[in-house]
Amino acid sequence: MIVKVTPQWREPEILAPPWEIVHTVELPPGEFRKFKEDLLQPQPFIMEHANEMYMDSHGITHGMLVLCEGIDDGILVNSEGFAYARYSAYLSGARTLSLMNRYPSLRDFCVQMDGLVEKYVQQALAGQEDGKFCISYSDIDVEVEKGIFNEDLSAFDWRLFLDMLSERPEFDEVENTPNEIYFTIAPEFVEEQTPGISM
């Protein structure tokens, strides 16, 4: 995973003042590039909401998020009443953060799916035999019904679940039949077994 950040140097603590995003603007790639390369240039989209961008008495900055079509990152802007980005910060993964904030149910679903995938990754690594592991769909159904998705199997997405497993670096291959999922563990995650002992 690659993110873009501005690190602090030799600071005793991480200082991250809170921002409330009051507006989100999405620009075409060309406009976004020009904006990013000259933040002091007045912009109509900033001027339109300039009086709504400020830092309040509680230290919360009310600002704007500027996104670019097709890019996940964005730029936070507080114009303090001006038509340009008087204060700005690059926000890596801004689109994803905005999406998760806009749809809490999607965020909850993603957290649940991630937890379930992590459970079976760890189970496969612990239970592997010669770099192989298998689990039945019925066992996963029981786990899902037991509470992961509050007994709502319709909320569970099998295709996404299999895709997420396939994307994990611990697996070289994930194959499925009508009844089972077969995992081939990536060589760097294969545990050596003591001769005469099976897991």
N, C-alpha and C. Protein backbone atom coordinates (compact mmCIF):
# COMPACT_ATOMS: atom_id res chain seq x y z
N MET A 1 0.85 -1.18 0.00
CA MET A 1 0.00 0.00 0.00
C MET A 1 0.89 1.24 0.00
N ILE A 2 0.61 2.17 -0.88
CA ILE A 2 1.35 3.42 -0.95
C ILE A 2 0.40 4.57 -0.62
N VAL A 3 0.79 5.40 0.33
CA VAL A 3 0.01 6.60 0.66
C VAL A 3 0.94 7.81 0.58
N LYS A 4 0.36 8.98 0.42
CA LYS A 4 1.14 10.22 0.40
C LYS A 4 0.87 10.97 1.69
N VAL A 5 1.93 11.31 2.41
CA VAL A 5 1.78 12.00 3.69
C VAL A 5 2.85 13.09 3.82
N THR A 6 2.61 14.02 4.73
CA THR A 6 3.61 15.01 5.10
C THR A 6 4.03 14.69 6.53
N PRO A 7 5.19 14.05 6.72
CA PRO A 7 5.58 13.63 8.07
C PRO A 7 6.05 14.79 8.93
N GLN A 8 5.84 14.64 10.23
CA GLN A 8 6.41 15.59 11.17
C GLN A 8 7.84 15.16 11.48
N TRP A 9 8.67 16.10 11.89
CA TRP A 9 10.06 15.77 12.20
C TRP A 9 10.37 16.08 13.65
N ARG A 10 10.78 15.06 14.39
CA ARG A 10 11.20 15.19 15.78
C ARG A 10 10.16 15.91 16.65
N GLU A 11 8.90 15.57 16.44
CA GLU A 11 7.84 16.14 17.27
C GLU A 11 7.50 15.13 18.37
N PRO A 12 7.20 15.60 19.60
CA PRO A 12 6.91 14.66 20.70
C PRO A 12 5.56 13.97 20.57
N GLU A 13 4.68 14.50 19.74
CA GLU A 13 3.37 13.88 19.57
C GLU A 13 2.83 14.20 18.18
N ILE A 14 1.85 13.40 17.76
CA ILE A 14 1.21 13.64 16.47
C ILE A 14 0.13 14.71 16.68
N LEU A 15 0.23 15.79 15.93
CA LEU A 15 -0.76 16.86 16.01
C LEU A 15 -1.63 16.80 14.75
N ALA A 16 -2.89 16.48 14.92
CA ALA A 16 -3.81 16.37 13.78
C ALA A 16 -5.10 17.09 14.14
N PRO A 17 -5.15 18.40 13.89
CA PRO A 17 -6.35 19.17 14.23
C PRO A 17 -7.57 18.63 13.47
N PRO A 18 -8.74 18.65 14.09
CA PRO A 18 -9.94 18.11 13.44
C PRO A 18 -10.49 19.04 12.35
N TRP A 19 -10.97 18.42 11.29
CA TRP A 19 -11.61 19.14 10.19
C TRP A 19 -13.02 18.60 10.02
N GLU A 20 -13.95 19.49 9.76
CA GLU A 20 -15.29 19.09 9.34
C GLU A 20 -15.44 19.49 7.88
N ILE A 21 -15.69 18.51 7.04
CA ILE A 21 -15.83 18.79 5.61
C ILE A 21 -17.26 19.23 5.34
N VAL A 22 -17.42 20.50 4.98
CA VAL A 22 -18.76 21.04 4.77
C VAL A 22 -19.19 20.98 3.30
N HIS A 23 -18.22 20.86 2.40
CA HIS A 23 -18.53 20.73 0.96
C HIS A 23 -17.49 19.84 0.30
N THR A 24 -17.93 19.09 -0.68
CA THR A 24 -17.02 18.29 -1.50
C THR A 24 -17.20 18.69 -2.95
N VAL A 25 -16.09 18.95 -3.62
CA VAL A 25 -16.10 19.35 -5.02
C VAL A 25 -15.25 18.37 -5.80
N GLU A 26 -15.73 17.94 -6.96
CA GLU A 26 -14.96 17.04 -7.81
C GLU A 26 -14.62 17.74 -9.11
N LEU A 27 -13.32 17.77 -9.43
CA LEU A 27 -12.83 18.46 -10.62
C LEU A 27 -12.36 17.46 -11.67
N PRO A 28 -12.45 17.83 -12.95
CA PRO A 28 -11.84 17.00 -14.00
C PRO A 28 -10.32 16.99 -13.80
N PRO A 29 -9.63 15.95 -14.30
CA PRO A 29 -8.18 15.83 -14.06
C PRO A 29 -7.36 17.07 -14.41
N GLY A 30 -7.64 17.70 -15.54
CA GLY A 30 -6.87 18.89 -15.93
C GLY A 30 -7.03 20.03 -14.94
N GLU A 31 -8.27 20.29 -14.52
CA GLU A 31 -8.53 21.37 -13.56
C GLU A 31 -7.91 21.05 -12.20
N PHE A 32 -8.01 19.78 -11.80
CA PHE A 32 -7.44 19.39 -10.51
C PHE A 32 -5.93 19.58 -10.52
N ARG A 33 -5.26 19.19 -11.59
CA ARG A 33 -3.82 19.34 -11.68
C ARG A 33 -3.43 20.82 -11.58
N LYS A 34 -4.15 21.70 -12.31
CA LYS A 34 -3.85 23.14 -12.24
C LYS A 34 -4.06 23.68 -10.83
N PHE A 35 -5.16 23.24 -10.20
CA PHE A 35 -5.44 23.68 -8.83
C PHE A 35 -4.34 23.22 -7.88
N LYS A 36 -3.96 21.95 -7.98
CA LYS A 36 -2.95 21.38 -7.08
C LYS A 36 -1.59 22.06 -7.26
N GLU A 37 -1.29 22.48 -8.49
CA GLU A 37 0.02 23.08 -8.77
C GLU A 37 0.07 24.58 -8.51
N ASP A 38 -1.08 25.20 -8.24
CA ASP A 38 -1.11 26.63 -7.92
C ASP A 38 -2.25 26.91 -6.95
N LEU A 39 -2.04 26.52 -5.69
CA LEU A 39 -3.09 26.63 -4.68
C LEU A 39 -3.45 28.07 -4.33
N LEU A 40 -2.59 29.01 -4.66
CA LEU A 40 -2.86 30.41 -4.32
C LEU A 40 -3.67 31.14 -5.39
N GLN A 41 -3.99 30.43 -6.45
CA GLN A 41 -4.80 31.02 -7.53
C GLN A 41 -6.27 31.03 -7.09
N PRO A 42 -6.97 32.18 -7.18
CA PRO A 42 -8.40 32.21 -6.83
C PRO A 42 -9.21 31.22 -7.69
N GLN A 43 -10.17 30.58 -7.04
CA GLN A 43 -10.99 29.58 -7.72
C GLN A 43 -12.48 29.88 -7.49
N PRO A 44 -13.30 29.82 -8.54
CA PRO A 44 -14.73 30.07 -8.38
C PRO A 44 -15.39 29.09 -7.41
N PHE A 45 -14.98 27.82 -7.44
CA PHE A 45 -15.62 26.83 -6.55
C PHE A 45 -15.27 27.06 -5.09
N ILE A 46 -14.13 27.71 -4.82
CA ILE A 46 -13.79 28.08 -3.44
C ILE A 46 -14.55 29.34 -3.04
N MET A 47 -14.59 30.33 -3.95
CA MET A 47 -15.28 31.58 -3.66
C MET A 47 -16.75 31.34 -3.33
N GLU A 48 -17.36 30.38 -4.02
CA GLU A 48 -18.78 30.08 -3.82
C GLU A 48 -19.10 29.70 -2.38
N HIS A 49 -18.14 29.07 -1.69
CA HIS A 49 -18.37 28.61 -0.31
C HIS A 49 -17.39 29.23 0.67
N ALA A 50 -16.75 30.34 0.28
CA ALA A 50 -15.70 30.95 1.09
C ALA A 50 -16.16 31.32 2.50
N ASN A 51 -17.40 31.81 2.62
CA ASN A 51 -17.86 32.25 3.94
C ASN A 51 -18.19 31.10 4.88
N GLU A 52 -18.15 29.85 4.36
CA GLU A 52 -18.44 28.69 5.19
C GLU A 52 -17.17 27.98 5.66
N MET A 53 -16.00 28.51 5.27
CA MET A 53 -14.73 27.87 5.63
C MET A 53 -13.98 28.73 6.63
N TYR A 54 -13.75 28.16 7.82
CA TYR A 54 -13.11 28.89 8.91
C TYR A 54 -12.76 27.91 10.03
N MET A 55 -12.04 28.38 11.02
CA MET A 55 -11.80 27.58 12.22
C MET A 55 -12.68 28.13 13.33
N ASP A 56 -13.46 27.26 13.95
CA ASP A 56 -14.38 27.74 14.99
C ASP A 56 -13.70 27.84 16.36
N SER A 57 -14.47 28.26 17.36
CA SER A 57 -13.91 28.50 18.70
C SER A 57 -13.48 27.22 19.40
N HIS A 58 -13.88 26.07 18.87
CA HIS A 58 -13.49 24.78 19.46
C HIS A 58 -12.26 24.19 18.76
N GLY A 59 -11.69 24.94 17.82
CA GLY A 59 -10.52 24.46 17.11
C GLY A 59 -10.81 23.54 15.95
N ILE A 60 -12.08 23.45 15.54
CA ILE A 60 -12.46 22.61 14.41
C ILE A 60 -12.47 23.46 13.14
N THR A 61 -11.73 23.00 12.15
CA THR A 61 -11.70 23.69 10.87
C THR A 61 -12.85 23.22 10.00
N HIS A 62 -13.64 24.16 9.51
CA HIS A 62 -14.73 23.86 8.58
C HIS A 62 -14.18 24.12 7.18
N GLY A 63 -14.04 23.05 6.40
CA GLY A 63 -13.38 23.20 5.12
C GLY A 63 -14.05 22.43 4.00
N MET A 64 -13.36 22.41 2.89
CA MET A 64 -13.86 21.80 1.66
C MET A 64 -12.90 20.68 1.26
N LEU A 65 -13.46 19.61 0.70
CA LEU A 65 -12.65 18.55 0.14
C LEU A 65 -12.72 18.64 -1.38
N VAL A 66 -11.57 18.74 -2.00
CA VAL A 66 -11.50 18.82 -3.46
C VAL A 66 -10.98 17.49 -3.98
N LEU A 67 -11.79 16.82 -4.79
CA LEU A 67 -11.44 15.53 -5.37
C LEU A 67 -11.20 15.67 -6.86
N CYS A 68 -10.53 14.67 -7.42
CA CYS A 68 -10.29 14.60 -8.86
C CYS A 68 -10.96 13.35 -9.41
N GLU A 69 -11.63 13.47 -10.55
CA GLU A 69 -12.27 12.32 -11.17
C GLU A 69 -11.26 11.21 -11.38
N GLY A 70 -11.60 10.01 -10.90
CA GLY A 70 -10.75 8.85 -11.13
C GLY A 70 -9.57 8.70 -10.20
N ILE A 71 -9.43 9.58 -9.21
CA ILE A 71 -8.31 9.52 -8.26
C ILE A 71 -8.87 9.43 -6.85
N ASP A 72 -8.23 8.63 -6.00
CA ASP A 72 -8.72 8.43 -4.63
C ASP A 72 -8.31 9.54 -3.69
N ASP A 73 -7.17 10.19 -3.95
CA ASP A 73 -6.68 11.23 -3.05
C ASP A 73 -7.41 12.55 -3.28
N GLY A 74 -7.28 13.46 -2.32
CA GLY A 74 -7.92 14.76 -2.44
C GLY A 74 -7.14 15.83 -1.68
N ILE A 75 -7.67 17.04 -1.71
CA ILE A 75 -7.04 18.17 -1.02
C ILE A 75 -8.08 18.84 -0.13
N LEU A 76 -7.72 18.99 1.15
CA LEU A 76 -8.57 19.74 2.08
C LEU A 76 -8.23 21.22 1.96
N VAL A 77 -9.26 22.04 1.98
CA VAL A 77 -9.07 23.48 1.82
C VAL A 77 -9.84 24.24 2.89
N ASN A 78 -9.18 25.21 3.50
CA ASN A 78 -9.84 26.21 4.35
C ASN A 78 -9.42 27.56 3.80
N SER A 79 -10.36 28.27 3.20
CA SER A 79 -10.02 29.54 2.56
C SER A 79 -10.07 30.73 3.53
N GLU A 80 -10.67 30.52 4.70
CA GLU A 80 -10.82 31.62 5.67
C GLU A 80 -11.47 32.84 5.03
N GLY A 81 -12.45 32.58 4.15
CA GLY A 81 -13.18 33.68 3.53
C GLY A 81 -12.61 34.18 2.22
N PHE A 82 -11.44 33.69 1.84
CA PHE A 82 -10.82 34.10 0.59
C PHE A 82 -11.22 33.15 -0.55
N ALA A 83 -10.82 33.50 -1.77
CA ALA A 83 -11.18 32.69 -2.94
C ALA A 83 -10.10 31.68 -3.30
N TYR A 84 -9.07 31.56 -2.48
CA TYR A 84 -8.00 30.61 -2.76
C TYR A 84 -7.80 29.70 -1.54
N ALA A 85 -6.97 28.68 -1.70
CA ALA A 85 -6.73 27.72 -0.61
C ALA A 85 -5.71 28.29 0.37
N ARG A 86 -6.20 29.12 1.29
CA ARG A 86 -5.30 29.77 2.24
C ARG A 86 -4.61 28.73 3.13
N TYR A 87 -5.37 27.73 3.56
CA TYR A 87 -4.82 26.57 4.27
C TYR A 87 -5.21 25.33 3.49
N SER A 88 -4.27 24.42 3.33
CA SER A 88 -4.57 23.21 2.56
C SER A 88 -3.78 22.03 3.11
N ALA A 89 -4.29 20.84 2.83
CA ALA A 89 -3.61 19.61 3.24
C ALA A 89 -3.96 18.51 2.25
N TYR A 90 -2.95 17.74 1.86
CA TYR A 90 -3.17 16.61 0.97
C TYR A 90 -3.75 15.47 1.80
N LEU A 91 -4.83 14.86 1.32
CA LEU A 91 -5.49 13.77 2.06
C LEU A 91 -5.48 12.51 1.21
N SER A 92 -4.60 11.60 1.56
CA SER A 92 -4.50 10.33 0.84
C SER A 92 -5.74 9.47 1.14
N GLY A 93 -6.30 8.85 0.09
CA GLY A 93 -7.48 8.00 0.28
C GLY A 93 -8.74 8.79 0.57
N ALA A 94 -8.78 10.05 0.19
CA ALA A 94 -9.90 10.93 0.54
C ALA A 94 -11.25 10.43 0.01
N ARG A 95 -11.27 9.92 -1.23
CA ARG A 95 -12.53 9.48 -1.81
C ARG A 95 -13.12 8.30 -1.01
N THR A 96 -12.25 7.36 -0.66
CA THR A 96 -12.70 6.20 0.11
C THR A 96 -13.20 6.64 1.48
N LEU A 97 -12.47 7.55 2.13
CA LEU A 97 -12.91 8.06 3.44
C LEU A 97 -14.26 8.76 3.33
N SER A 98 -14.42 9.56 2.28
CA SER A 98 -15.68 10.28 2.07
C SER A 98 -16.83 9.31 1.84
N LEU A 99 -16.57 8.28 1.05
CA LEU A 99 -17.59 7.28 0.75
C LEU A 99 -18.02 6.54 2.02
N MET A 100 -17.05 6.14 2.82
CA MET A 100 -17.36 5.41 4.06
C MET A 100 -18.11 6.30 5.05
N ASN A 101 -17.80 7.59 5.05
CA ASN A 101 -18.49 8.51 5.94
C ASN A 101 -19.92 8.76 5.47
N ARG A 102 -20.10 8.82 4.15
CA ARG A 102 -21.43 9.07 3.59
C ARG A 102 -22.36 7.89 3.80
N TYR A 103 -21.79 6.66 3.77
CA TYR A 103 -22.62 5.45 3.88
C TYR A 103 -22.12 4.59 5.05
N PRO A 104 -22.56 4.88 6.29
CA PRO A 104 -22.12 4.08 7.43
C PRO A 104 -22.45 2.59 7.28
N SER A 105 -23.54 2.28 6.59
CA SER A 105 -23.88 0.87 6.40
C SER A 105 -22.84 0.17 5.52
N LEU A 106 -22.28 0.88 4.55
CA LEU A 106 -21.22 0.33 3.71
C LEU A 106 -19.96 0.12 4.53
N ARG A 107 -19.64 1.09 5.38
CA ARG A 107 -18.46 0.96 6.26
C ARG A 107 -18.62 -0.26 7.16
N ASP A 108 -19.80 -0.43 7.76
CA ASP A 108 -20.04 -1.57 8.65
C ASP A 108 -19.90 -2.88 7.89
N PHE A 109 -20.45 -2.92 6.66
CA PHE A 109 -20.37 -4.12 5.84
C PHE A 109 -18.91 -4.46 5.54
N CYS A 110 -18.12 -3.45 5.18
CA CYS A 110 -16.70 -3.66 4.87
C CYS A 110 -15.95 -4.19 6.08
N VAL A 111 -16.23 -3.63 7.25
CA VAL A 111 -15.57 -4.08 8.47
C VAL A 111 -15.94 -5.53 8.76
N GLN A 112 -17.21 -5.88 8.58
CA GLN A 112 -17.64 -7.26 8.81
C GLN A 112 -16.98 -8.22 7.83
N MET A 113 -16.95 -7.85 6.55
CA MET A 113 -16.33 -8.70 5.54
C MET A 113 -14.83 -8.87 5.83
N ASP A 114 -14.17 -7.79 6.19
CA ASP A 114 -12.74 -7.86 6.49
C ASP A 114 -12.49 -8.79 7.68
N GLY A 115 -13.33 -8.69 8.71
CA GLY A 115 -13.18 -9.55 9.88
C GLY A 115 -13.36 -11.02 9.54
N LEU A 116 -14.34 -11.31 8.68
CA LEU A 116 -14.59 -12.69 8.28
C LEU A 116 -13.44 -13.24 7.44
N VAL A 117 -12.96 -12.44 6.49
CA VAL A 117 -11.83 -12.87 5.66
C VAL A 117 -10.61 -13.12 6.53
N GLU A 118 -10.33 -12.21 7.44
CA GLU A 118 -9.16 -12.36 8.32
C GLU A 118 -9.25 -13.65 9.14
N LYS A 119 -10.45 -13.97 9.60
CA LYS A 119 -10.66 -15.20 10.39
C LYS A 119 -10.26 -16.43 9.58
N TYR A 120 -10.68 -16.47 8.32
CA TYR A 120 -10.39 -17.66 7.51
C TYR A 120 -8.96 -17.66 6.98
N VAL A 121 -8.35 -16.52 6.82
CA VAL A 121 -6.93 -16.49 6.47
C VAL A 121 -6.13 -17.11 7.61
N GLN A 122 -6.41 -16.68 8.83
CA GLN A 122 -5.67 -17.21 9.99
C GLN A 122 -5.96 -18.70 10.18
N GLN A 123 -7.21 -19.10 9.94
CA GLN A 123 -7.58 -20.51 10.07
C GLN A 123 -6.83 -21.35 9.03
N ALA A 124 -6.71 -20.85 7.82
CA ALA A 124 -6.00 -21.57 6.75
C ALA A 124 -4.51 -21.68 7.07
N LEU A 125 -3.92 -20.61 7.58
CA LEU A 125 -2.49 -20.65 7.90
C LEU A 125 -2.21 -21.62 9.04
N ALA A 126 -3.09 -21.62 10.04
CA ALA A 126 -2.90 -22.51 11.20
C ALA A 126 -3.19 -23.97 10.86
N GLY A 127 -4.14 -24.21 9.95
CA GLY A 127 -4.57 -25.58 9.68
C GLY A 127 -4.00 -26.18 8.41
N GLN A 128 -3.09 -25.48 7.76
CA GLN A 128 -2.55 -25.96 6.48
C GLN A 128 -1.79 -27.27 6.65
N GLU A 129 -1.85 -28.07 5.61
CA GLU A 129 -1.05 -29.29 5.54
C GLU A 129 -0.34 -29.28 4.20
N ASP A 130 0.98 -29.23 4.24
CA ASP A 130 1.80 -29.15 3.03
C ASP A 130 1.36 -27.98 2.14
N GLY A 131 1.02 -26.86 2.76
CA GLY A 131 0.66 -25.67 2.01
C GLY A 131 -0.74 -25.70 1.42
N LYS A 132 -1.58 -26.61 1.89
CA LYS A 132 -2.95 -26.72 1.38
C LYS A 132 -3.94 -26.61 2.55
N PHE A 133 -5.12 -26.09 2.24
CA PHE A 133 -6.19 -26.01 3.24
C PHE A 133 -7.52 -26.01 2.52
N CYS A 134 -8.54 -26.55 3.15
CA CYS A 134 -9.87 -26.64 2.55
C CYS A 134 -10.92 -26.33 3.60
N ILE A 135 -11.96 -25.61 3.20
CA ILE A 135 -13.08 -25.36 4.10
C ILE A 135 -14.38 -25.48 3.32
N SER A 136 -15.41 -25.96 3.98
CA SER A 136 -16.70 -26.16 3.30
C SER A 136 -17.55 -24.90 3.39
N TYR A 137 -18.39 -24.71 2.38
CA TYR A 137 -19.32 -23.59 2.39
C TYR A 137 -20.27 -23.67 3.57
N SER A 138 -20.65 -24.90 3.95
CA SER A 138 -21.59 -25.04 5.07
C SER A 138 -20.99 -24.52 6.38
N ASP A 139 -19.67 -24.72 6.57
CA ASP A 139 -19.02 -24.20 7.78
C ASP A 139 -19.04 -22.67 7.79
N ILE A 140 -18.83 -22.08 6.61
CA ILE A 140 -18.85 -20.61 6.52
C ILE A 140 -20.27 -20.10 6.75
N ASP A 141 -21.27 -20.78 6.18
CA ASP A 141 -22.67 -20.39 6.42
C ASP A 141 -23.00 -20.36 7.90
N VAL A 142 -22.53 -21.37 8.63
CA VAL A 142 -22.78 -21.44 10.07
C VAL A 142 -22.16 -20.23 10.75
N GLU A 143 -20.93 -19.90 10.37
CA GLU A 143 -20.24 -18.75 10.98
C GLU A 143 -20.97 -17.45 10.69
N VAL A 144 -21.43 -17.29 9.44
CA VAL A 144 -22.15 -16.08 9.05
C VAL A 144 -23.45 -15.97 9.83
N GLU A 145 -24.20 -17.07 9.90
CA GLU A 145 -25.49 -17.06 10.61
C GLU A 145 -25.31 -16.85 12.10
N LYS A 146 -24.15 -17.26 12.63
CA LYS A 146 -23.92 -17.17 14.07
C LYS A 146 -23.82 -15.75 14.58
N GLY A 147 -23.67 -14.80 13.70
CA GLY A 147 -23.64 -13.43 14.21
C GLY A 147 -22.83 -12.44 13.41
N ILE A 148 -22.00 -12.92 12.49
CA ILE A 148 -21.19 -11.96 11.74
C ILE A 148 -22.09 -10.97 11.01
N PHE A 149 -23.16 -11.48 10.38
CA PHE A 149 -24.09 -10.61 9.67
C PHE A 149 -25.48 -10.65 10.31
N ASN A 150 -25.50 -10.87 11.62
CA ASN A 150 -26.76 -10.84 12.37
C ASN A 150 -27.84 -11.71 11.74
N GLU A 151 -27.44 -12.94 11.36
CA GLU A 151 -28.34 -13.94 10.80
C GLU A 151 -28.94 -13.52 9.46
N ASP A 152 -28.39 -12.50 8.84
CA ASP A 152 -28.92 -12.04 7.56
C ASP A 152 -27.99 -12.49 6.44
N LEU A 153 -28.22 -13.71 5.93
CA LEU A 153 -27.37 -14.27 4.89
C LEU A 153 -27.48 -13.48 3.59
N SER A 154 -28.59 -12.76 3.41
CA SER A 154 -28.74 -11.99 2.18
C SER A 154 -27.73 -10.84 2.12
N ALA A 155 -27.20 -10.42 3.29
CA ALA A 155 -26.21 -9.34 3.33
C ALA A 155 -24.81 -9.85 3.00
N PHE A 156 -24.66 -11.16 2.97
CA PHE A 156 -23.34 -11.74 2.72
C PHE A 156 -23.12 -11.90 1.22
N ASP A 157 -21.98 -11.44 0.75
CA ASP A 157 -21.65 -11.46 -0.68
C ASP A 157 -20.56 -12.49 -0.93
N TRP A 158 -20.96 -13.66 -1.45
CA TRP A 158 -20.01 -14.76 -1.68
C TRP A 158 -18.93 -14.37 -2.68
N ARG A 159 -19.32 -13.71 -3.77
CA ARG A 159 -18.34 -13.36 -4.80
C ARG A 159 -17.27 -12.42 -4.23
N LEU A 160 -17.73 -11.44 -3.48
CA LEU A 160 -16.79 -10.51 -2.85
C LEU A 160 -15.89 -11.23 -1.85
N PHE A 161 -16.46 -12.11 -1.08
CA PHE A 161 -15.71 -12.89 -0.10
C PHE A 161 -14.59 -13.67 -0.78
N LEU A 162 -14.91 -14.35 -1.88
CA LEU A 162 -13.90 -15.12 -2.61
C LEU A 162 -12.85 -14.21 -3.24
N ASP A 163 -13.29 -13.07 -3.77
CA ASP A 163 -12.34 -12.12 -4.35
C ASP A 163 -11.38 -11.60 -3.29
N MET A 164 -11.90 -11.27 -2.11
CA MET A 164 -11.05 -10.76 -1.03
C MET A 164 -10.03 -11.81 -0.60
N LEU A 165 -10.47 -13.06 -0.49
CA LEU A 165 -9.54 -14.13 -0.14
C LEU A 165 -8.45 -14.27 -1.21
N SER A 166 -8.85 -14.20 -2.48
CA SER A 166 -7.90 -14.34 -3.59
C SER A 166 -6.87 -13.22 -3.61
N GLU A 167 -7.23 -12.06 -3.10
CA GLU A 167 -6.33 -10.91 -3.11
C GLU A 167 -5.33 -10.89 -1.96
N ARG A 168 -5.50 -11.82 -1.01
CA ARG A 168 -4.59 -11.85 0.13
C ARG A 168 -3.24 -12.42 -0.28
N PRO A 169 -2.14 -11.81 0.19
CA PRO A 169 -0.80 -12.29 -0.19
C PRO A 169 -0.47 -13.66 0.39
N GLU A 170 -1.24 -14.11 1.39
CA GLU A 170 -0.96 -15.41 2.01
C GLU A 170 -1.30 -16.57 1.08
N PHE A 171 -2.11 -16.30 0.03
CA PHE A 171 -2.56 -17.38 -0.84
C PHE A 171 -2.02 -17.23 -2.26
N ASP A 172 -1.50 -18.32 -2.80
CA ASP A 172 -1.11 -18.35 -4.21
C ASP A 172 -2.34 -18.60 -5.07
N GLU A 173 -3.27 -19.38 -4.54
CA GLU A 173 -4.45 -19.72 -5.32
C GLU A 173 -5.62 -20.01 -4.40
N VAL A 174 -6.80 -19.57 -4.82
CA VAL A 174 -8.05 -19.88 -4.12
C VAL A 174 -9.01 -20.43 -5.17
N GLU A 175 -9.37 -21.70 -5.01
CA GLU A 175 -10.28 -22.35 -5.95
C GLU A 175 -11.54 -22.76 -5.21
N ASN A 176 -12.65 -22.70 -5.91
CA ASN A 176 -13.89 -23.12 -5.26
C ASN A 176 -14.65 -24.12 -6.13
N THR A 177 -15.29 -25.06 -5.43
CA THR A 177 -16.18 -26.04 -6.05
C THR A 177 -17.57 -25.70 -5.53
N PRO A 178 -18.60 -26.43 -5.94
CA PRO A 178 -19.94 -26.14 -5.40
C PRO A 178 -20.05 -26.29 -3.88
N ASN A 179 -19.11 -27.03 -3.25
CA ASN A 179 -19.23 -27.29 -1.82
C ASN A 179 -18.08 -26.78 -0.95
N GLU A 180 -16.91 -26.52 -1.58
CA GLU A 180 -15.73 -26.22 -0.77
C GLU A 180 -14.86 -25.14 -1.42
N ILE A 181 -13.98 -24.58 -0.58
CA ILE A 181 -12.97 -23.64 -1.05
C ILE A 181 -11.62 -24.26 -0.74
N TYR A 182 -10.73 -24.31 -1.75
CA TYR A 182 -9.40 -24.86 -1.60
C TYR A 182 -8.37 -23.74 -1.67
N PHE A 183 -7.47 -23.74 -0.70
CA PHE A 183 -6.44 -22.72 -0.63
C PHE A 183 -5.06 -23.33 -0.88
N THR A 184 -4.27 -22.67 -1.70
CA THR A 184 -2.85 -23.00 -1.84
C THR A 184 -2.09 -21.86 -1.19
N ILE A 185 -1.39 -22.19 -0.10
CA ILE A 185 -0.69 -21.18 0.67
C ILE A 185 0.57 -20.72 -0.08
N ALA A 186 0.82 -19.43 -0.11
CA ALA A 186 2.03 -18.90 -0.73
C ALA A 186 3.26 -19.46 -0.01
N PRO A 187 4.33 -19.79 -0.74
CA PRO A 187 5.49 -20.46 -0.14
C PRO A 187 6.03 -19.79 1.12
N GLU A 188 6.05 -18.46 1.13
CA GLU A 188 6.61 -17.78 2.32
C GLU A 188 5.74 -17.93 3.57
N PHE A 189 4.51 -18.42 3.39
CA PHE A 189 3.62 -18.61 4.54
C PHE A 189 3.42 -20.09 4.87
N VAL A 190 4.08 -20.97 4.12
CA VAL A 190 3.95 -22.41 4.39
C VAL A 190 4.79 -22.74 5.61
N GLU A 191 4.14 -23.38 6.59
CA GLU A 191 4.84 -23.77 7.81
C GLU A 191 5.46 -25.13 7.63
N GLU A 192 6.74 -25.23 8.00
CA GLU A 192 7.39 -26.54 7.97
C GLU A 192 6.81 -27.41 9.05
N GLN A 193 6.51 -28.66 8.70
CA GLN A 193 5.94 -29.59 9.69
C GLN A 193 7.01 -30.58 10.14
N THR A 194 6.96 -30.88 11.41
CA THR A 194 7.88 -31.87 11.96
C THR A 194 7.54 -33.23 11.40
N PRO A 195 8.55 -34.01 10.91
CA PRO A 195 8.25 -35.33 10.35
C PRO A 195 7.48 -36.20 11.34
N GLY A 196 6.45 -36.86 10.83
CA GLY A 196 5.65 -37.75 11.66
C GLY A 196 4.51 -37.07 12.40
N ILE A 197 4.42 -35.72 12.28
CA ILE A 197 3.35 -34.99 12.96
C ILE A 197 2.50 -34.31 11.90
N SER A 198 1.21 -34.54 11.93
CA SER A 198 0.31 -33.86 10.98
C SER A 198 -0.58 -32.92 11.75
N MET A 199 -1.03 -31.89 11.08
CA MET A 199 -1.86 -30.88 11.75
C MET A 199 -3.32 -31.24 11.64
